[in-house]
């Protein structure tokens, strides 16, 4: 298998600008923040082998709003937006700085939406549970873009294209969700995937490799496997953001594959 270093190597475009990769991560269970497993080790490997970002913009499944917001505080708080987990998970902090300057630049550059600056949210577990493994020193500025849940997937795809300028500024844009995410059908005693979950996960992989983005946007037309895999869209939308950022000459690769607990895809997708 080709090494992750080759997958994740940034490339130079016009005017010798360094273009950061775009990354989608299947974040799965919040307990991954405390775990040492195949997924967390792969996140660590990604962090070691891509060019160190100047900043990270995350579109997380766990910040849903009406309207679109970008975090603009200097010191975003670590949000423990879950329940029923061990006390140790609630004690985890990820004290990365924010980036008010990049938040303001994002607000001013985006035309499709009237971006509003947010000083309340912080970093939710879709962000910090991954970054704590990927960049454990928490020394890279991190800011988040919210998901306006009243908008269509096509609208999010078009909005994401307007974020592309950040990549040439050394910003890693990361979508954090899960391609397959059906909590109602989780199998807590199993590690592999249901047949329908595996089928849709593989179908999504094939469509990504073939650049068939419209078919992924209109996932409802892909059959019952798709509908079981995406009963609600909040974990799927971050993939839409990431794939919209793909340049014509970029490759698609999958640093992480596999399903957990029957109905959660841990697939990560890298565009570079």
Protein backbone atom coordinates (compact mmCIF):
# COMPACT_ATOMS: atom_id res chain seq x y z
CA UNK A 1 0.00 0.00 0.00
CA UNK A 2 1.31 3.43 -0.91
CA UNK A 3 2.67 5.24 2.10
CA UNK A 4 0.63 7.94 3.79
CA UNK A 5 3.55 10.28 3.25
CA UNK A 6 2.95 10.14 -0.50
CA UNK A 7 -0.80 10.45 0.00
CA UNK A 8 -0.51 13.49 2.23
CA UNK A 9 2.37 15.33 0.61
CA UNK A 10 1.27 18.91 -0.13
CA UNK A 11 1.88 20.17 -3.59
CA UNK A 12 2.86 23.45 -5.23
CA UNK A 13 0.54 25.29 -7.58
CA UNK A 14 0.72 28.63 -9.35
CA UNK A 15 3.10 31.20 -7.91
CA UNK A 16 4.72 28.56 -5.73
CA UNK A 17 1.85 28.69 -3.26
CA UNK A 18 1.72 25.78 -0.87
CA UNK A 19 -1.75 24.22 -1.08
CA UNK A 20 -2.72 22.31 2.02
CA UNK A 21 -4.63 19.05 1.61
CA UNK A 22 -8.35 18.89 2.36
CA UNK A 23 -9.31 16.13 4.79
CA UNK A 24 -12.48 14.38 5.88
CA UNK A 25 -12.27 12.32 9.07
CA UNK A 26 -14.75 9.78 10.37
CA UNK A 27 -14.53 10.65 14.06
CA UNK A 28 -16.80 8.00 15.55
CA UNK A 29 -16.97 7.43 19.29
CA UNK A 30 -15.80 10.33 21.54
CA UNK A 31 -13.89 7.71 23.57
CA UNK A 32 -11.36 7.67 20.75
CA UNK A 33 -9.87 10.72 22.47
CA UNK A 34 -8.73 8.42 25.30
CA UNK A 35 -8.12 5.29 23.24
CA UNK A 36 -5.16 3.76 21.49
CA UNK A 37 -6.56 1.90 18.49
CA UNK A 38 -6.13 1.57 14.74
CA UNK A 39 -8.08 4.76 14.10
CA UNK A 40 -6.31 6.97 16.63
CA UNK A 41 -2.92 5.70 15.50
CA UNK A 42 -3.84 6.56 11.91
CA UNK A 43 -4.88 10.08 12.97
CA UNK A 44 -1.52 10.48 14.66
CA UNK A 45 0.22 9.32 11.51
CA UNK A 46 -1.64 11.86 9.39
CA UNK A 47 -0.54 14.61 11.75
CA UNK A 48 3.10 13.55 11.51
CA UNK A 49 3.19 13.18 7.76
CA UNK A 50 1.34 16.14 6.30
CA UNK A 51 2.87 19.60 6.21
CA UNK A 52 2.20 21.30 9.55
CA UNK A 53 -0.74 23.67 8.97
CA UNK A 54 -0.60 27.33 9.86
CA UNK A 55 -4.17 26.94 11.08
CA UNK A 56 -7.03 24.44 10.92
CA UNK A 57 -10.63 25.14 9.94
CA UNK A 58 -13.03 22.38 11.00
CA UNK A 59 -16.57 21.75 9.81
CA UNK A 60 -17.93 19.46 12.52
CA UNK A 61 -21.15 17.45 12.56
CA UNK A 62 -21.73 18.74 16.08
CA UNK A 63 -22.19 22.45 15.43
CA UNK A 64 -25.58 22.91 13.81
CA UNK A 65 -27.04 26.39 13.53
CA UNK A 66 -29.59 28.48 11.68
CA UNK A 67 -27.37 30.79 9.71
CA UNK A 68 -23.62 30.29 9.33
CA UNK A 69 -21.10 31.16 12.01
CA UNK A 70 -17.33 31.03 12.40
CA UNK A 71 -15.60 30.95 15.77
CA UNK A 72 -13.60 34.13 16.29
CA UNK A 73 -12.29 33.95 19.85
CA UNK A 74 -8.59 33.94 20.74
CA UNK A 75 -8.94 31.02 23.17
CA UNK A 76 -11.75 28.62 22.21
CA UNK A 77 -13.05 26.46 25.03
CA UNK A 78 -13.12 22.66 24.90
CA UNK A 79 -16.79 21.63 24.68
CA UNK A 80 -17.83 18.29 26.19
CA UNK A 81 -20.98 17.94 24.12
CA UNK A 82 -22.03 14.42 25.10
CA UNK A 83 -23.33 12.44 28.05
CA UNK A 84 -22.97 9.04 29.67
CA UNK A 85 -19.21 8.74 29.27
CA UNK A 86 -16.52 8.28 31.95
CA UNK A 87 -15.43 11.27 34.01
CA UNK A 88 -11.97 11.15 32.43
CA UNK A 89 -13.43 12.15 29.05
CA UNK A 90 -15.05 15.25 30.55
CA UNK A 91 -11.69 16.25 31.99
CA UNK A 92 -9.94 16.28 28.60
CA UNK A 93 -8.90 19.75 27.44
CA UNK A 94 -7.55 20.77 24.04
CA UNK A 95 -6.21 24.31 24.61
CA UNK A 96 -5.43 25.24 21.01
CA UNK A 97 -5.54 28.96 20.21
CA UNK A 98 -8.16 30.36 17.91
CA UNK A 99 -7.63 32.64 14.92
CA UNK A 100 -9.75 35.80 15.01
CA UNK A 101 -7.89 37.13 11.97
CA UNK A 102 -8.69 34.12 9.76
CA UNK A 103 -12.25 34.08 11.06
CA UNK A 104 -12.68 37.69 9.96
CA UNK A 105 -11.06 36.97 6.60
CA UNK A 106 -13.40 34.01 6.10
CA UNK A 107 -16.39 36.18 6.96
CA UNK A 108 -15.33 38.86 4.49
CA UNK A 109 -14.47 36.48 1.62
CA UNK A 110 -17.60 34.32 1.65
CA UNK A 111 -20.39 35.66 -0.55
CA UNK A 112 -22.99 32.87 -0.57
CA UNK A 113 -23.75 33.27 3.14
CA UNK A 114 -23.64 36.15 5.57
CA UNK A 115 -21.10 34.67 7.95
CA UNK A 116 -21.42 35.83 11.54
CA UNK A 117 -18.54 35.88 14.01
CA UNK A 118 -19.11 33.68 17.07
CA UNK A 119 -17.52 34.18 20.48
CA UNK A 120 -19.46 31.51 22.42
CA UNK A 121 -19.04 28.08 20.86
CA UNK A 122 -15.45 26.78 20.99
CA UNK A 123 -14.17 23.35 19.91
CA UNK A 124 -16.68 20.48 20.06
CA UNK A 125 -15.74 16.81 20.26
CA UNK A 126 -15.96 16.39 16.49
CA UNK A 127 -12.91 18.63 16.43
CA UNK A 128 -10.83 18.02 19.54
CA UNK A 129 -11.28 14.23 19.82
CA UNK A 130 -9.45 13.95 16.48
CA UNK A 131 -6.97 16.81 16.79
CA UNK A 132 -5.79 15.64 20.21
CA UNK A 133 -4.35 12.62 18.39
CA UNK A 134 -3.38 14.36 15.16
CA UNK A 135 -1.70 17.41 16.72
CA UNK A 136 -1.35 16.63 20.44
CA UNK A 137 0.66 19.76 21.28
CA UNK A 138 -2.41 21.93 20.60
CA UNK A 139 -0.10 24.59 19.19
CA UNK A 140 -1.93 25.19 15.87
CA UNK A 141 -4.74 27.77 15.73
CA UNK A 142 -8.13 26.11 15.27
CA UNK A 143 -11.43 27.68 14.26
CA UNK A 144 -14.77 26.13 13.33
CA UNK A 145 -17.43 26.82 10.71
CA UNK A 146 -20.98 25.91 11.65
CA UNK A 147 -23.44 23.91 9.56
CA UNK A 148 -26.64 25.77 8.68
CA UNK A 149 -29.02 22.81 8.96
CA UNK A 150 -31.78 24.64 7.11
CA UNK A 151 -29.80 24.57 3.84
CA UNK A 152 -29.55 21.88 1.16
CA UNK A 153 -26.52 19.70 0.54
CA UNK A 154 -26.02 21.46 -2.80
CA UNK A 155 -25.90 24.80 -0.99
CA UNK A 156 -23.23 23.49 1.40
CA UNK A 157 -21.25 22.18 -1.58
CA UNK A 158 -21.27 25.62 -3.19
CA UNK A 159 -20.38 27.37 0.06
CA UNK A 160 -17.43 25.03 0.56
CA UNK A 161 -15.97 26.02 -2.80
CA UNK A 162 -15.69 29.59 -1.52
CA UNK A 163 -13.42 28.36 1.30
CA UNK A 164 -10.75 27.16 -1.13
CA UNK A 165 -8.68 30.34 -0.75
CA UNK A 166 -7.76 29.26 2.77
CA UNK A 167 -5.85 26.24 1.48
CA UNK A 168 -3.27 28.47 -0.20
CA UNK A 169 -2.81 30.29 3.11
CA UNK A 170 -1.60 27.11 4.80
CA UNK A 171 -4.96 26.27 6.38
CA UNK A 172 -5.95 22.62 6.69
CA UNK A 173 -9.71 22.37 6.09
CA UNK A 174 -11.09 19.31 7.85
CA UNK A 175 -14.60 17.94 7.75
CA UNK A 176 -15.42 15.77 10.76
CA UNK A 177 -18.40 13.41 10.68
CA UNK A 178 -19.10 9.89 9.42
CA UNK A 179 -20.15 8.70 5.96
CA UNK A 180 -22.26 5.97 7.58
CA UNK A 181 -23.79 7.08 10.90
CA UNK A 182 -26.87 5.29 12.22
CA UNK A 183 -26.86 5.34 16.02
CA UNK A 184 -30.23 3.61 16.22
CA UNK A 185 -28.68 0.45 14.77
CA UNK A 186 -25.33 0.47 16.58
CA UNK A 187 -24.12 -2.99 17.57
CA UNK A 188 -22.15 -2.50 20.79
CA UNK A 189 -20.95 -6.10 20.67
CA UNK A 190 -19.60 -5.99 17.14
CA UNK A 191 -16.73 -4.24 15.41
CA UNK A 192 -17.39 -4.85 11.72
CA UNK A 193 -20.17 -3.39 9.64
CA UNK A 194 -23.63 -4.49 8.63
CA UNK A 195 -23.88 -5.54 4.98
CA UNK A 196 -25.87 -2.43 4.04
CA UNK A 197 -23.34 -0.19 5.82
CA UNK A 198 -20.39 -1.82 4.09
CA UNK A 199 -22.17 -1.60 0.74
CA UNK A 200 -22.83 2.12 1.03
CA UNK A 201 -19.38 2.87 2.40
CA UNK A 202 -17.85 1.14 -0.62
CA UNK A 203 -20.27 2.89 -2.99
CA UNK A 204 -19.25 6.25 -1.54
CA UNK A 205 -15.58 5.34 -2.00
CA UNK A 206 -16.18 4.45 -5.64
CA UNK A 207 -18.11 7.66 -6.32
CA UNK A 208 -15.38 9.75 -4.70
CA UNK A 209 -12.73 8.08 -6.84
CA UNK A 210 -14.84 8.75 -9.94
CA UNK A 211 -15.50 12.40 -8.95
CA UNK A 212 -19.25 11.77 -9.10
CA UNK A 213 -20.05 14.43 -6.55
CA UNK A 214 -23.62 15.04 -7.67
CA UNK A 215 -24.53 11.43 -6.98
CA UNK A 216 -23.15 11.79 -3.46
CA UNK A 217 -25.04 15.05 -2.96
CA UNK A 218 -28.26 13.35 -4.12
CA UNK A 219 -27.63 10.30 -1.94
CA UNK A 220 -31.35 9.60 -1.53
CA UNK A 221 -31.33 8.23 -5.08
CA UNK A 222 -28.67 5.62 -4.21
CA UNK A 223 -31.10 3.17 -2.62
CA UNK A 224 -32.04 1.76 0.76
CA UNK A 225 -28.41 1.29 1.82
CA UNK A 226 -27.88 5.03 1.55
CA UNK A 227 -31.05 5.82 3.49
CA UNK A 228 -30.06 3.44 6.28
CA UNK A 229 -26.55 4.88 6.33
CA UNK A 230 -27.70 8.51 6.44
CA UNK A 231 -30.91 8.69 8.48
CA UNK A 232 -29.99 12.32 9.22
CA UNK A 233 -27.44 14.39 7.34
CA UNK A 234 -25.41 16.21 10.00
CA UNK A 235 -22.56 13.64 9.97
CA UNK A 236 -22.62 13.43 6.17
CA UNK A 237 -22.47 17.16 5.41
CA UNK A 238 -18.79 17.53 6.46
CA UNK A 239 -17.90 15.12 3.63
CA UNK A 240 -19.76 17.41 1.21
CA UNK A 241 -17.61 20.33 2.35
CA UNK A 242 -14.36 18.42 1.94
CA UNK A 243 -15.06 16.92 -1.48
CA UNK A 244 -16.17 20.32 -2.81
CA UNK A 245 -12.62 21.55 -2.19
CA UNK A 246 -11.03 18.99 -4.50
CA UNK A 247 -9.02 20.55 -7.31
CA UNK A 248 -9.16 19.01 -10.77
CA UNK A 249 -5.59 17.68 -10.61
CA UNK A 250 -5.81 16.31 -7.07
CA UNK A 251 -5.87 12.67 -6.08
CA UNK A 252 -8.32 11.00 -3.69
CA UNK A 253 -7.02 8.58 -1.09
CA UNK A 254 -8.32 6.87 2.03
CA UNK A 255 -5.88 6.89 4.97
CA UNK A 256 -8.45 5.08 7.14
CA UNK A 257 -11.12 2.55 6.16
CA UNK A 258 -13.45 0.28 8.09
CA UNK A 259 -16.69 0.25 10.05
CA UNK A 260 -17.12 0.29 13.80
CA UNK A 261 -20.05 -0.91 15.93
CA UNK A 262 -21.91 -2.13 12.87
CA UNK A 263 -23.25 1.18 11.60
CA UNK A 264 -20.48 3.80 11.84
CA UNK A 265 -17.98 4.30 9.02
CA UNK A 266 -14.53 5.40 10.16
CA UNK A 267 -13.43 6.17 6.60
CA UNK A 268 -11.17 9.19 6.15
CA UNK A 269 -10.75 10.88 2.77
CA UNK A 270 -7.74 12.93 1.74
CA UNK A 271 -7.61 15.24 -1.27
CA UNK A 272 -4.15 16.38 -2.36
